[in-house]
Amino acid sequence: MELKYVGPKPIISHTGIEFDNNKEDKFVYLNIVVQFLKSLNHKYITNKIYTYQSNMDRLSNMQLHDELKKFCPNIDKIIDDTDHFEHENMYNDIKRARENRVLTPLDKETLENNIKIMTDYIVQRSINKKVYYCAVNELAELVKKDNIDYIVVPMFQKFAHVLHSVQGSLKKQNFPIDTKIDIYEEDGKLLAKLKVINK
């Protein structure tokens, strides 16, 4: 398996397959995460403010993989382990569908077929999610290690989503780090600021 976009979260039942457009594939955030990692991964001088001009060109799937591997060296193991784990889950879902005592034989067959149709899709979404959180945890480690006080980004949904994920990762540390995200306007531009409250 590789890193690639598949789509929103599927809802699989014996009546069909629907998609929850509120649960986007984490793949859409991987370009942003790579930009964040590249911007924060350097030596710091105390009391100096750093600015990083992000490159908004989309990386190819292979370039994404190669860039992420610099920060998550075990990315290939994550992909392989997730692939194996999710295929096991799908096998168990099919087994449960066959053993279901409420559904008719036709409904069971339909549910089983729907699961089979969506197996690769679900596996890929799970791989993208695991790799995304590996990268987010690396971002949190950089914030912690380098005692970064704040990160300011344009207030775009994808940037804010990544900041929120970093916030969650910092909160889950052995010694939780409190943060706050502020949205404000400066020089006519809407910005989001992740501020570290305690270190």
Protein backbone atom coordinates (compact mmCIF):
# COMPACT_ATOMS: atom_id res chain seq x y z
CA MET A 1 0.00 0.00 0.00
CA GLU A 2 1.02 3.62 -0.49
CA LEU A 3 -0.20 7.03 0.55
CA LYS A 4 -3.07 8.24 -1.61
CA TYR A 5 -6.39 10.03 -1.29
CA VAL A 6 -9.56 7.95 -1.14
CA GLY A 7 -12.34 10.11 0.32
CA PRO A 8 -14.70 10.70 3.24
CA LYS A 9 -15.65 8.08 5.83
CA PRO A 10 -17.94 5.37 4.47
CA ILE A 11 -20.98 4.11 6.36
CA ILE A 12 -21.58 0.52 5.31
CA SER A 13 -24.83 -1.33 5.88
CA HIS A 14 -27.01 -3.99 4.30
CA THR A 15 -28.95 -1.23 2.55
CA GLY A 16 -25.94 0.37 0.83
CA ILE A 17 -22.89 2.57 1.27
CA GLU A 18 -23.10 6.22 2.29
CA PHE A 19 -20.34 8.74 2.98
CA ASP A 20 -19.95 11.11 5.92
CA ASN A 21 -18.56 14.26 4.31
CA ASN A 22 -17.78 15.67 7.77
CA LYS A 23 -15.11 12.95 8.24
CA GLU A 24 -12.53 13.82 5.59
CA ASP A 25 -9.67 11.55 4.64
CA LYS A 26 -6.55 12.61 6.63
CA PHE A 27 -4.59 12.47 3.38
CA VAL A 28 -5.83 16.00 2.57
CA TYR A 29 -3.80 17.35 5.52
CA LEU A 30 -0.51 15.59 4.78
CA ASN A 31 0.86 18.36 2.53
CA ILE A 32 0.21 20.89 5.30
CA VAL A 33 1.84 18.66 7.93
CA VAL A 34 4.97 18.34 5.77
CA GLN A 35 5.12 22.15 5.43
CA PHE A 36 4.80 22.52 9.22
CA LEU A 37 7.51 19.93 9.87
CA LYS A 38 9.89 21.60 7.42
CA SER A 39 9.21 25.04 8.88
CA LEU A 40 9.82 24.02 12.51
CA ASN A 41 12.73 21.64 12.06
CA HIS A 42 15.80 23.90 12.50
CA LYS A 43 18.02 25.42 15.18
CA TYR A 44 16.57 28.29 17.15
CA ILE A 45 18.07 31.43 18.64
CA THR A 46 16.40 32.66 21.83
CA ASN A 47 13.92 35.52 21.41
CA LYS A 48 14.07 35.39 17.61
CA ILE A 49 10.88 35.20 15.56
CA TYR A 50 11.04 32.87 12.56
CA THR A 51 8.99 33.18 9.40
CA TYR A 52 8.58 30.37 6.90
CA GLN A 53 7.18 30.94 3.42
CA SER A 54 5.35 27.72 2.73
CA ASN A 55 5.41 26.15 -0.69
CA MET A 56 1.80 25.41 -1.58
CA ASP A 57 2.66 23.19 -4.53
CA ARG A 58 1.11 19.79 -3.95
CA LEU A 59 3.62 17.02 -3.51
CA SER A 60 3.14 13.79 -5.43
CA ASN A 61 2.16 10.75 -3.36
CA MET A 62 5.76 9.47 -3.55
CA GLN A 63 7.21 12.87 -2.58
CA LEU A 64 4.84 12.99 0.39
CA HIS A 65 5.99 9.55 1.47
CA ASP A 66 9.67 10.52 1.13
CA GLU A 67 9.25 13.80 3.04
CA LEU A 68 7.24 12.15 5.82
CA LYS A 69 9.83 9.37 6.12
CA LYS A 70 12.40 11.99 7.21
CA PHE A 71 10.29 12.66 10.30
CA CYS A 72 8.57 9.29 10.73
CA PRO A 73 11.32 6.80 9.77
CA ASN A 74 8.99 3.87 10.56
CA ILE A 75 6.37 4.99 8.02
CA ASP A 76 6.67 1.78 5.97
CA LYS A 77 6.08 -0.33 9.09
CA ILE A 78 3.07 1.84 10.00
CA ILE A 79 1.65 1.27 6.51
CA ASP A 80 2.27 -2.49 6.57
CA ASP A 81 0.97 -2.97 10.12
CA THR A 82 -2.16 -0.92 9.44
CA ASP A 83 -2.79 -2.77 6.18
CA HIS A 84 -2.61 -6.11 8.00
CA PHE A 85 -4.67 -4.93 11.00
CA GLU A 86 -7.46 -3.42 8.88
CA HIS A 87 -7.70 -6.48 6.63
CA GLU A 88 -8.16 -8.56 9.79
CA ASN A 89 -10.90 -6.15 10.90
CA MET A 90 -12.65 -6.48 7.54
CA TYR A 91 -12.44 -10.28 7.76
CA ASN A 92 -14.07 -10.08 11.23
CA ASP A 93 -16.75 -7.70 9.93
CA ILE A 94 -17.61 -10.18 7.17
CA LYS A 95 -17.73 -13.00 9.70
CA ARG A 96 -20.12 -10.98 11.91
CA ALA A 97 -22.28 -10.18 8.86
CA ARG A 98 -22.58 -13.90 8.07
CA GLU A 99 -23.47 -14.74 11.70
CA ASN A 100 -26.01 -11.92 12.08
CA ARG A 101 -29.32 -13.35 13.36
CA VAL A 102 -31.45 -10.33 12.52
CA LEU A 103 -30.70 -9.89 8.81
CA THR A 104 -32.25 -12.01 6.07
CA PRO A 105 -29.89 -14.17 3.98
CA LEU A 106 -30.14 -11.63 1.15
CA ASP A 107 -29.34 -8.73 3.52
CA LYS A 108 -26.36 -10.67 4.88
CA GLU A 109 -25.05 -11.25 1.39
CA THR A 110 -25.54 -7.58 0.50
CA LEU A 111 -23.73 -6.44 3.67
CA GLU A 112 -20.86 -8.85 3.01
CA ASN A 113 -20.52 -7.61 -0.57
CA ASN A 114 -20.59 -3.97 0.56
CA ILE A 115 -17.80 -4.66 3.08
CA LYS A 116 -15.72 -6.41 0.40
CA ILE A 117 -16.26 -3.54 -2.05
CA MET A 118 -15.05 -1.00 0.52
CA THR A 119 -12.18 -2.97 2.07
CA ASP A 120 -9.33 -1.31 0.15
CA TYR A 121 -10.96 2.09 0.65
CA ILE A 122 -11.19 1.62 4.43
CA VAL A 123 -7.65 0.23 4.67
CA GLN A 124 -6.30 3.23 2.77
CA ARG A 125 -8.16 5.73 4.97
CA SER A 126 -6.76 4.02 8.05
CA ILE A 127 -3.21 4.11 6.65
CA ASN A 128 -3.56 7.82 5.86
CA LYS A 129 -4.85 8.48 9.38
CA LYS A 130 -2.03 6.56 11.11
CA VAL A 131 0.65 8.31 9.04
CA TYR A 132 -1.01 11.69 9.69
CA TYR A 133 -0.93 11.17 13.47
CA CYS A 134 2.67 9.98 13.34
CA ALA A 135 3.56 13.28 11.64
CA VAL A 136 1.40 15.32 14.05
CA ASN A 137 3.12 13.70 17.03
CA GLU A 138 6.48 14.62 15.49
CA LEU A 139 5.25 18.21 15.18
CA ALA A 140 4.27 18.18 18.85
CA GLU A 141 7.73 16.83 19.73
CA LEU A 142 9.37 19.70 17.84
CA VAL A 143 7.21 22.24 19.68
CA LYS A 144 8.13 20.65 23.00
CA LYS A 145 11.85 20.07 22.30
CA ASP A 146 12.50 23.56 20.93
CA ASN A 147 10.30 25.35 23.50
CA ILE A 148 8.29 27.04 20.75
CA ASP A 149 6.00 29.66 22.25
CA TYR A 150 3.57 30.01 19.38
CA ILE A 151 2.84 29.20 15.75
CA VAL A 152 0.89 31.60 13.54
CA VAL A 153 -0.67 30.44 10.26
CA PRO A 154 -3.24 31.76 7.79
CA MET A 155 -6.74 30.90 8.96
CA PHE A 156 -7.48 28.22 6.42
CA GLN A 157 -9.48 25.16 7.46
CA LYS A 158 -6.64 22.70 6.78
CA PHE A 159 -4.07 24.75 8.71
CA ALA A 160 -6.44 25.11 11.66
CA HIS A 161 -7.20 21.38 11.59
CA VAL A 162 -3.49 20.52 11.83
CA LEU A 163 -2.97 23.03 14.67
CA HIS A 164 -5.90 21.47 16.51
CA SER A 165 -4.35 18.01 16.06
CA VAL A 166 -1.00 19.26 17.41
CA GLN A 167 -2.88 20.75 20.35
CA GLY A 168 -4.42 17.34 21.06
CA SER A 169 -1.03 15.61 20.82
CA LEU A 170 0.56 18.07 23.26
CA LYS A 171 -2.30 17.49 25.69
CA LYS A 172 -1.64 13.72 25.62
CA GLN A 173 2.05 14.03 26.60
CA ASN A 174 3.25 12.35 29.82
CA PHE A 175 3.45 15.88 31.20
CA PRO A 176 0.54 17.52 29.35
CA ILE A 177 1.26 20.84 27.67
CA ASP A 178 -1.60 23.34 27.68
CA THR A 179 -2.18 25.33 24.53
CA LYS A 180 -4.73 27.75 23.20
CA ILE A 181 -5.78 28.55 19.64
CA ASP A 182 -6.77 32.13 18.91
CA ILE A 183 -8.31 33.41 15.69
CA TYR A 184 -7.62 37.08 14.96
CA GLU A 185 -7.26 39.61 12.18
CA GLU A 186 -4.05 41.44 11.37
CA ASP A 187 -3.46 43.75 8.39
CA GLY A 188 -6.73 42.57 6.86
CA LYS A 189 -5.73 38.89 7.08
CA LEU A 190 -7.41 36.27 9.24
CA LEU A 191 -4.83 34.28 11.23
CA ALA A 192 -4.81 31.33 13.63
CA LYS A 193 -2.31 31.23 16.50
CA LEU A 194 -1.42 28.15 18.52
CA LYS A 195 0.00 29.48 21.78
CA VAL A 196 1.82 27.27 24.30
CA ILE A 197 0.57 28.22 27.77
CA ASN A 198 2.78 25.99 29.93
CA LYS A 199 5.93 24.00 29.16
